[in-house]
Amino acid sequence: AGGAGSSLGRGGMITKILAAKRAAGSGA
């Protein structure tokens, strides 16, 4: 995963990977 995406948002692909890891903690 790279760094932050657009100038409008605060996320990037890395935040999505970490979000998936967090969601997996409850089985999603």
mmCIF file of all heavy atoms, coordinates in Angstrom:
data_MODEL
# 
_entry.id   MODEL 
# 
loop_
_atom_site.group_PDB 
_atom_site.id 
_atom_site.type_symbol 
_atom_site.label_atom_id 
_atom_site.label_alt_id 
_atom_site.label_comp_id 
_atom_site.label_asym_id 
_atom_site.label_entity_id 
_atom_site.label_seq_id 
_atom_site.pdbx_PDB_ins_code 
_atom_site.Cartn_x 
_atom_site.Cartn_y 
_atom_site.Cartn_z 
_atom_site.occupancy 
_atom_site.B_iso_or_equiv 
_atom_site.pdbx_formal_charge 
_atom_site.auth_seq_id 
_atom_site.auth_comp_id 
_atom_site.auth_asym_id 
_atom_site.auth_atom_id 
_atom_site.pdbx_PDB_model_num 
ATOM 1   N N   . ALA A 1 1  ? 0.830   -1.207  0.000  1.00 0.00 ? 1  ALA A N   1 
ATOM 2   C CA  . ALA A 1 1  ? 0.000   0.000   0.000  1.00 0.00 ? 1  ALA A CA  1 
ATOM 3   C C   . ALA A 1 1  ? 0.861   1.252   0.000  1.00 0.00 ? 1  ALA A C   1 
ATOM 4   O O   . ALA A 1 1  ? 1.916   1.321   0.624  1.00 0.00 ? 1  ALA A O   1 
ATOM 5   C CB  . ALA A 1 1  ? -0.916  -0.008  1.223  1.00 0.00 ? 1  ALA A CB  1 
ATOM 6   N N   . GLY A 1 2  ? 0.394   2.270   -0.700 1.00 0.00 ? 2  GLY A N   1 
ATOM 7   C CA  . GLY A 1 2  ? 1.127   3.531   -0.770 1.00 0.00 ? 2  GLY A CA  1 
ATOM 8   C C   . GLY A 1 2  ? 0.692   4.512   0.295  1.00 0.00 ? 2  GLY A C   1 
ATOM 9   O O   . GLY A 1 2  ? 0.123   4.144   1.318  1.00 0.00 ? 2  GLY A O   1 
ATOM 10  N N   . GLY A 1 3  ? 0.950   5.800   0.061  1.00 0.00 ? 3  GLY A N   1 
ATOM 11  C CA  . GLY A 1 3  ? 0.607   6.846   1.018  1.00 0.00 ? 3  GLY A CA  1 
ATOM 12  C C   . GLY A 1 3  ? -0.801  7.338   0.813  1.00 0.00 ? 3  GLY A C   1 
ATOM 13  O O   . GLY A 1 3  ? -1.648  6.667   0.236  1.00 0.00 ? 3  GLY A O   1 
ATOM 14  N N   . ALA A 1 4  ? -1.070  8.574   1.291  1.00 0.00 ? 4  ALA A N   1 
ATOM 15  C CA  . ALA A 1 4  ? -2.398  9.157   1.204  1.00 0.00 ? 4  ALA A CA  1 
ATOM 16  C C   . ALA A 1 4  ? -2.807  9.343   -0.252 1.00 0.00 ? 4  ALA A C   1 
ATOM 17  O O   . ALA A 1 4  ? -1.972  9.504   -1.137 1.00 0.00 ? 4  ALA A O   1 
ATOM 18  C CB  . ALA A 1 4  ? -2.432  10.495  1.944  1.00 0.00 ? 4  ALA A CB  1 
ATOM 19  N N   . GLY A 1 5  ? -4.112  9.322   -0.471 1.00 0.00 ? 5  GLY A N   1 
ATOM 20  C CA  . GLY A 1 5  ? -4.625  9.423   -1.836 1.00 0.00 ? 5  GLY A CA  1 
ATOM 21  C C   . GLY A 1 5  ? -4.810  10.852  -2.287 1.00 0.00 ? 5  GLY A C   1 
ATOM 22  O O   . GLY A 1 5  ? -3.854  11.602  -2.431 1.00 0.00 ? 5  GLY A O   1 
ATOM 23  N N   . SER A 1 6  ? -6.072  11.276  -2.473 1.00 0.00 ? 6  SER A N   1 
ATOM 24  C CA  . SER A 1 6  ? -6.330  12.610  -3.009 1.00 0.00 ? 6  SER A CA  1 
ATOM 25  C C   . SER A 1 6  ? -6.129  13.689  -1.956 1.00 0.00 ? 6  SER A C   1 
ATOM 26  O O   . SER A 1 6  ? -6.016  13.404  -0.777 1.00 0.00 ? 6  SER A O   1 
ATOM 27  C CB  . SER A 1 6  ? -7.776  12.679  -3.520 1.00 0.00 ? 6  SER A CB  1 
ATOM 28  O OG  . SER A 1 6  ? -8.676  12.654  -2.425 1.00 0.00 ? 6  SER A OG  1 
ATOM 29  N N   . SER A 1 7  ? -6.123  14.934  -2.405 1.00 0.00 ? 7  SER A N   1 
ATOM 30  C CA  . SER A 1 7  ? -5.975  16.061  -1.482 1.00 0.00 ? 7  SER A CA  1 
ATOM 31  C C   . SER A 1 7  ? -7.258  16.324  -0.725 1.00 0.00 ? 7  SER A C   1 
ATOM 32  O O   . SER A 1 7  ? -7.269  17.035  0.272  1.00 0.00 ? 7  SER A O   1 
ATOM 33  C CB  . SER A 1 7  ? -5.583  17.324  -2.270 1.00 0.00 ? 7  SER A CB  1 
ATOM 34  O OG  . SER A 1 7  ? -6.596  17.644  -3.213 1.00 0.00 ? 7  SER A OG  1 
ATOM 35  N N   . LEU A 1 8  ? -8.359  15.752  -1.189 1.00 0.00 ? 8  LEU A N   1 
ATOM 36  C CA  . LEU A 1 8  ? -9.654  16.001  -0.540 1.00 0.00 ? 8  LEU A CA  1 
ATOM 37  C C   . LEU A 1 8  ? -9.821  15.159  0.713  1.00 0.00 ? 8  LEU A C   1 
ATOM 38  O O   . LEU A 1 8  ? -10.318 15.620  1.721  1.00 0.00 ? 8  LEU A O   1 
ATOM 39  C CB  . LEU A 1 8  ? -10.799 15.684  -1.519 1.00 0.00 ? 8  LEU A CB  1 
ATOM 40  C CG  . LEU A 1 8  ? -10.894 16.594  -2.741 1.00 0.00 ? 8  LEU A CG  1 
ATOM 41  C CD1 . LEU A 1 8  ? -11.895 16.008  -3.727 1.00 0.00 ? 8  LEU A CD1 1 
ATOM 42  C CD2 . LEU A 1 8  ? -11.324 17.993  -2.315 1.00 0.00 ? 8  LEU A CD2 1 
ATOM 43  N N   . GLY A 1 9  ? -9.432  13.899  0.654  1.00 0.00 ? 9  GLY A N   1 
ATOM 44  C CA  . GLY A 1 9  ? -9.612  12.996  1.780  1.00 0.00 ? 9  GLY A CA  1 
ATOM 45  C C   . GLY A 1 9  ? -8.370  12.913  2.638  1.00 0.00 ? 9  GLY A C   1 
ATOM 46  O O   . GLY A 1 9  ? -7.362  13.548  2.381  1.00 0.00 ? 9  GLY A O   1 
ATOM 47  N N   . ARG A 1 10 ? -8.474  12.112  3.693  1.00 0.00 ? 10 ARG A N   1 
ATOM 48  C CA  . ARG A 1 10 ? -7.352  11.941  4.603  1.00 0.00 ? 10 ARG A CA  1 
ATOM 49  C C   . ARG A 1 10 ? -6.755  10.548  4.494  1.00 0.00 ? 10 ARG A C   1 
ATOM 50  O O   . ARG A 1 10 ? -5.784  10.252  5.160  1.00 0.00 ? 10 ARG A O   1 
ATOM 51  C CB  . ARG A 1 10 ? -7.810  12.179  6.055  1.00 0.00 ? 10 ARG A CB  1 
ATOM 52  C CG  . ARG A 1 10 ? -8.425  13.556  6.293  1.00 0.00 ? 10 ARG A CG  1 
ATOM 53  C CD  . ARG A 1 10 ? -7.446  14.672  6.043  1.00 0.00 ? 10 ARG A CD  1 
ATOM 54  N NE  . ARG A 1 10 ? -6.376  14.667  7.014  1.00 0.00 ? 10 ARG A NE  1 
ATOM 55  C CZ  . ARG A 1 10 ? -5.258  15.366  6.882  1.00 0.00 ? 10 ARG A CZ  1 
ATOM 56  N NH1 . ARG A 1 10 ? -5.049  16.056  5.778  1.00 0.00 ? 10 ARG A NH1 1 
ATOM 57  N NH2 . ARG A 1 10 ? -4.343  15.343  7.819  1.00 0.00 ? 10 ARG A NH2 1 
ATOM 58  N N   . GLY A 1 11 ? -7.349  9.695   3.681  1.00 0.00 ? 11 GLY A N   1 
ATOM 59  C CA  . GLY A 1 11 ? -6.888  8.313   3.641  1.00 0.00 ? 11 GLY A CA  1 
ATOM 60  C C   . GLY A 1 11 ? -6.083  8.001   2.405  1.00 0.00 ? 11 GLY A C   1 
ATOM 61  O O   . GLY A 1 11 ? -5.778  8.839   1.588  1.00 0.00 ? 11 GLY A O   1 
ATOM 62  N N   . GLY A 1 12 ? -5.736  6.760   2.251  1.00 0.00 ? 12 GLY A N   1 
ATOM 63  C CA  . GLY A 1 12 ? -5.029  6.235   1.103  1.00 0.00 ? 12 GLY A CA  1 
ATOM 64  C C   . GLY A 1 12 ? -5.198  4.738   1.166  1.00 0.00 ? 12 GLY A C   1 
ATOM 65  O O   . GLY A 1 12 ? -5.972  4.234   1.980  1.00 0.00 ? 12 GLY A O   1 
ATOM 66  N N   . MET A 1 13 ? -4.500  3.996   0.334  1.00 0.00 ? 13 MET A N   1 
ATOM 67  C CA  . MET A 1 13 ? -4.662  2.546   0.351  1.00 0.00 ? 13 MET A CA  1 
ATOM 68  C C   . MET A 1 13 ? -4.225  1.947   1.687  1.00 0.00 ? 13 MET A C   1 
ATOM 69  O O   . MET A 1 13 ? -4.806  0.969   2.155  1.00 0.00 ? 13 MET A O   1 
ATOM 70  C CB  . MET A 1 13 ? -3.879  1.931   -0.810 1.00 0.00 ? 13 MET A CB  1 
ATOM 71  C CG  . MET A 1 13 ? -4.211  0.464   -1.053 1.00 0.00 ? 13 MET A CG  1 
ATOM 72  S SD  . MET A 1 13 ? -5.987  0.131   -1.340 1.00 0.00 ? 13 MET A SD  1 
ATOM 73  C CE  . MET A 1 13 ? -6.228  0.906   -2.941 1.00 0.00 ? 13 MET A CE  1 
ATOM 74  N N   . ILE A 1 14 ? -3.240  2.546   2.331  1.00 0.00 ? 14 ILE A N   1 
ATOM 75  C CA  . ILE A 1 14 ? -2.772  1.993   3.606  1.00 0.00 ? 14 ILE A CA  1 
ATOM 76  C C   . ILE A 1 14 ? -3.874  2.033   4.657  1.00 0.00 ? 14 ILE A C   1 
ATOM 77  O O   . ILE A 1 14 ? -4.027  1.110   5.459  1.00 0.00 ? 14 ILE A O   1 
ATOM 78  C CB  . ILE A 1 14 ? -1.505  2.745   4.114  1.00 0.00 ? 14 ILE A CB  1 
ATOM 79  C CG1 . ILE A 1 14 ? -0.943  2.057   5.361  1.00 0.00 ? 14 ILE A CG1 1 
ATOM 80  C CG2 . ILE A 1 14 ? -1.791  4.210   4.390  1.00 0.00 ? 14 ILE A CG2 1 
ATOM 81  C CD1 . ILE A 1 14 ? -0.445  0.664   5.140  1.00 0.00 ? 14 ILE A CD1 1 
ATOM 82  N N   . THR A 1 15 ? -4.687  3.111   4.670  1.00 0.00 ? 15 THR A N   1 
ATOM 83  C CA  . THR A 1 15 ? -5.768  3.169   5.660  1.00 0.00 ? 15 THR A CA  1 
ATOM 84  C C   . THR A 1 15 ? -6.816  2.097   5.377  1.00 0.00 ? 15 THR A C   1 
ATOM 85  O O   . THR A 1 15 ? -7.460  1.591   6.305  1.00 0.00 ? 15 THR A O   1 
ATOM 86  C CB  . THR A 1 15 ? -6.445  4.554   5.687  1.00 0.00 ? 15 THR A CB  1 
ATOM 87  O OG1 . THR A 1 15 ? -7.193  4.755   4.490  1.00 0.00 ? 15 THR A OG1 1 
ATOM 88  C CG2 . THR A 1 15 ? -5.436  5.669   5.882  1.00 0.00 ? 15 THR A CG2 1 
ATOM 89  N N   . LYS A 1 16 ? -6.980  1.732   4.118  1.00 0.00 ? 16 LYS A N   1 
ATOM 90  C CA  . LYS A 1 16 ? -7.951  0.697   3.758  1.00 0.00 ? 16 LYS A CA  1 
ATOM 91  C C   . LYS A 1 16 ? -7.454  -0.684  4.184  1.00 0.00 ? 16 LYS A C   1 
ATOM 92  O O   . LYS A 1 16 ? -8.235  -1.524  4.639  1.00 0.00 ? 16 LYS A O   1 
ATOM 93  C CB  . LYS A 1 16 ? -8.232  0.751   2.257  1.00 0.00 ? 16 LYS A CB  1 
ATOM 94  C CG  . LYS A 1 16 ? -8.947  2.045   1.866  1.00 0.00 ? 16 LYS A CG  1 
ATOM 95  C CD  . LYS A 1 16 ? -8.884  2.315   0.385  1.00 0.00 ? 16 LYS A CD  1 
ATOM 96  C CE  . LYS A 1 16 ? -9.614  3.605   0.054  1.00 0.00 ? 16 LYS A CE  1 
ATOM 97  N NZ  . LYS A 1 16 ? -9.154  4.784   0.820  1.00 0.00 ? 16 LYS A NZ  1 
ATOM 98  N N   . ILE A 1 17 ? -6.150  -0.910  4.040  1.00 0.00 ? 17 ILE A N   1 
ATOM 99  C CA  . ILE A 1 17 ? -5.567  -2.185  4.480  1.00 0.00 ? 17 ILE A CA  1 
ATOM 100 C C   . ILE A 1 17 ? -5.685  -2.327  5.993  1.00 0.00 ? 17 ILE A C   1 
ATOM 101 O O   . ILE A 1 17 ? -6.046  -3.392  6.511  1.00 0.00 ? 17 ILE A O   1 
ATOM 102 C CB  . ILE A 1 17 ? -4.078  -2.260  4.057  1.00 0.00 ? 17 ILE A CB  1 
ATOM 103 C CG1 . ILE A 1 17 ? -3.951  -2.196  2.534  1.00 0.00 ? 17 ILE A CG1 1 
ATOM 104 C CG2 . ILE A 1 17 ? -3.435  -3.518  4.606  1.00 0.00 ? 17 ILE A CG2 1 
ATOM 105 C CD1 . ILE A 1 17 ? -4.722  -3.241  1.791  1.00 0.00 ? 17 ILE A CD1 1 
ATOM 106 N N   . LEU A 1 18 ? -5.410  -1.242  6.708  1.00 0.00 ? 18 LEU A N   1 
ATOM 107 C CA  . LEU A 1 18 ? -5.506  -1.277  8.170  1.00 0.00 ? 18 LEU A CA  1 
ATOM 108 C C   . LEU A 1 18 ? -6.961  -1.395  8.620  1.00 0.00 ? 18 LEU A C   1 
ATOM 109 O O   . LEU A 1 18 ? -7.261  -2.045  9.622  1.00 0.00 ? 18 LEU A O   1 
ATOM 110 C CB  . LEU A 1 18 ? -4.858  -0.032  8.771  1.00 0.00 ? 18 LEU A CB  1 
ATOM 111 C CG  . LEU A 1 18 ? -3.342  0.091   8.536  1.00 0.00 ? 18 LEU A CG  1 
ATOM 112 C CD1 . LEU A 1 18 ? -2.821  1.413   9.098  1.00 0.00 ? 18 LEU A CD1 1 
ATOM 113 C CD2 . LEU A 1 18 ? -2.601  -1.087  9.185  1.00 0.00 ? 18 LEU A CD2 1 
ATOM 114 N N   . ALA A 1 19 ? -7.872  -0.776  7.869  1.00 0.00 ? 19 ALA A N   1 
ATOM 115 C CA  . ALA A 1 19 ? -9.293  -0.894  8.191  1.00 0.00 ? 19 ALA A CA  1 
ATOM 116 C C   . ALA A 1 19 ? -9.759  -2.336  8.018  1.00 0.00 ? 19 ALA A C   1 
ATOM 117 O O   . ALA A 1 19 ? -10.523 -2.864  8.836  1.00 0.00 ? 19 ALA A O   1 
ATOM 118 C CB  . ALA A 1 19 ? -10.115 0.040   7.303  1.00 0.00 ? 19 ALA A CB  1 
ATOM 119 N N   . ALA A 1 20 ? -9.303  -2.985  6.948  1.00 0.00 ? 20 ALA A N   1 
ATOM 120 C CA  . ALA A 1 20 ? -9.662  -4.390  6.721  1.00 0.00 ? 20 ALA A CA  1 
ATOM 121 C C   . ALA A 1 20 ? -9.146  -5.271  7.851  1.00 0.00 ? 20 ALA A C   1 
ATOM 122 O O   . ALA A 1 20 ? -9.837  -6.198  8.302  1.00 0.00 ? 20 ALA A O   1 
ATOM 123 C CB  . ALA A 1 20 ? -9.093  -4.860  5.385  1.00 0.00 ? 20 ALA A CB  1 
ATOM 124 N N   . LYS A 1 21 ? -7.953  -4.966  8.336  1.00 0.00 ? 21 LYS A N   1 
ATOM 125 C CA  . LYS A 1 21 ? -7.377  -5.725  9.442  1.00 0.00 ? 21 LYS A CA  1 
ATOM 126 C C   . LYS A 1 21 ? -8.219  -5.548  10.699 1.00 0.00 ? 21 LYS A C   1 
ATOM 127 O O   . LYS A 1 21 ? -8.475  -6.499  11.438 1.00 0.00 ? 21 LYS A O   1 
ATOM 128 C CB  . LYS A 1 21 ? -5.943  -5.228  9.689  1.00 0.00 ? 21 LYS A CB  1 
ATOM 129 C CG  . LYS A 1 21 ? -5.193  -5.963  10.778 1.00 0.00 ? 21 LYS A CG  1 
ATOM 130 C CD  . LYS A 1 21 ? -3.770  -5.415  10.868 1.00 0.00 ? 21 LYS A CD  1 
ATOM 131 C CE  . LYS A 1 21 ? -2.962  -6.112  11.953 1.00 0.00 ? 21 LYS A CE  1 
ATOM 132 N NZ  . LYS A 1 21 ? -1.585  -5.558  12.033 1.00 0.00 ? 21 LYS A NZ  1 
ATOM 133 N N   . ARG A 1 22 ? -8.688  -4.312  10.927 1.00 0.00 ? 22 ARG A N   1 
ATOM 134 C CA  . ARG A 1 22 ? -9.515  -4.039  12.105 1.00 0.00 ? 22 ARG A CA  1 
ATOM 135 C C   . ARG A 1 22 ? -10.879 -4.728  11.972 1.00 0.00 ? 22 ARG A C   1 
ATOM 136 O O   . ARG A 1 22 ? -11.385 -5.308  12.930 1.00 0.00 ? 22 ARG A O   1 
ATOM 137 C CB  . ARG A 1 22 ? -9.704  -2.535  12.278 1.00 0.00 ? 22 ARG A CB  1 
ATOM 138 C CG  . ARG A 1 22 ? -10.391 -2.134  13.577 1.00 0.00 ? 22 ARG A CG  1 
ATOM 139 C CD  . ARG A 1 22 ? -10.635 -0.635  13.615 1.00 0.00 ? 22 ARG A CD  1 
ATOM 140 N NE  . ARG A 1 22 ? -9.415  0.127   13.702 1.00 0.00 ? 22 ARG A NE  1 
ATOM 141 C CZ  . ARG A 1 22 ? -8.862  0.526   14.841 1.00 0.00 ? 22 ARG A CZ  1 
ATOM 142 N NH1 . ARG A 1 22 ? -9.427  0.214   15.991 1.00 0.00 ? 22 ARG A NH1 1 
ATOM 143 N NH2 . ARG A 1 22 ? -7.757  1.239   14.831 1.00 0.00 ? 22 ARG A NH2 1 
ATOM 144 N N   . ALA A 1 23 ? -11.474 -4.651  10.795 1.00 0.00 ? 23 ALA A N   1 
ATOM 145 C CA  . ALA A 1 23 ? -12.770 -5.291  10.581 1.00 0.00 ? 23 ALA A CA  1 
ATOM 146 C C   . ALA A 1 23 ? -12.684 -6.798  10.769 1.00 0.00 ? 23 ALA A C   1 
ATOM 147 O O   . ALA A 1 23 ? -13.610 -7.433  11.274 1.00 0.00 ? 23 ALA A O   1 
ATOM 148 C CB  . ALA A 1 23 ? -13.288 -4.963  9.181  1.00 0.00 ? 23 ALA A CB  1 
ATOM 149 N N   . ALA A 1 24 ? -11.552 -7.365  10.376 1.00 0.00 ? 24 ALA A N   1 
ATOM 150 C CA  . ALA A 1 24 ? -11.363 -8.812  10.511 1.00 0.00 ? 24 ALA A CA  1 
ATOM 151 C C   . ALA A 1 24 ? -11.369 -9.257  11.962 1.00 0.00 ? 24 ALA A C   1 
ATOM 152 O O   . ALA A 1 24 ? -11.665 -10.413 12.268 1.00 0.00 ? 24 ALA A O   1 
ATOM 153 C CB  . ALA A 1 24 ? -10.054 -9.232  9.841  1.00 0.00 ? 24 ALA A CB  1 
ATOM 154 N N   . GLY A 1 25 ? -11.060 -8.323  12.875 1.00 0.00 ? 25 GLY A N   1 
ATOM 155 C CA  . GLY A 1 25 ? -11.052 -8.661  14.297 1.00 0.00 ? 25 GLY A CA  1 
ATOM 156 C C   . GLY A 1 25 ? -12.409 -9.123  14.795 1.00 0.00 ? 25 GLY A C   1 
ATOM 157 O O   . GLY A 1 25 ? -12.491 -9.889  15.768 1.00 0.00 ? 25 GLY A O   1 
ATOM 158 N N   . SER A 1 26 ? -13.480 -8.669  14.150 1.00 0.00 ? 26 SER A N   1 
ATOM 159 C CA  . SER A 1 26 ? -14.814 -9.127  14.544 1.00 0.00 ? 26 SER A CA  1 
ATOM 160 C C   . SER A 1 26 ? -15.407 -10.079 13.510 1.00 0.00 ? 26 SER A C   1 
ATOM 161 O O   . SER A 1 26 ? -16.603 -10.360 13.518 1.00 0.00 ? 26 SER A O   1 
ATOM 162 C CB  . SER A 1 26 ? -15.754 -7.919  14.738 1.00 0.00 ? 26 SER A CB  1 
ATOM 163 O OG  . SER A 1 26 ? -15.879 -7.172  13.547 1.00 0.00 ? 26 SER A OG  1 
ATOM 164 N N   . GLY A 1 27 ? -14.557 -10.567 12.613 1.00 0.00 ? 27 GLY A N   1 
ATOM 165 C CA  . GLY A 1 27 ? -14.991 -11.591 11.665 1.00 0.00 ? 27 GLY A CA  1 
ATOM 166 C C   . GLY A 1 27 ? -15.522 -11.092 10.345 1.00 0.00 ? 27 GLY A C   1 
ATOM 167 O O   . GLY A 1 27 ? -16.073 -11.874 9.564  1.00 0.00 ? 27 GLY A O   1 
ATOM 168 N N   . ALA A 1 28 ? -15.355 -9.793  10.034 1.00 0.00 ? 28 ALA A N   1 
ATOM 169 C CA  . ALA A 1 28 ? -15.861 -9.243  8.769  1.00 0.00 ? 28 ALA A CA  1 
ATOM 170 C C   . ALA A 1 28 ? -14.764 -9.240  7.706  1.00 0.00 ? 28 ALA A C   1 
ATOM 171 O O   . ALA A 1 28 ? -13.674 -8.711  7.938  1.00 0.00 ? 28 ALA A O   1 
ATOM 172 C CB  . ALA A 1 28 ? -16.388 -7.825  8.973  1.00 0.00 ? 28 ALA A CB  1 
# 
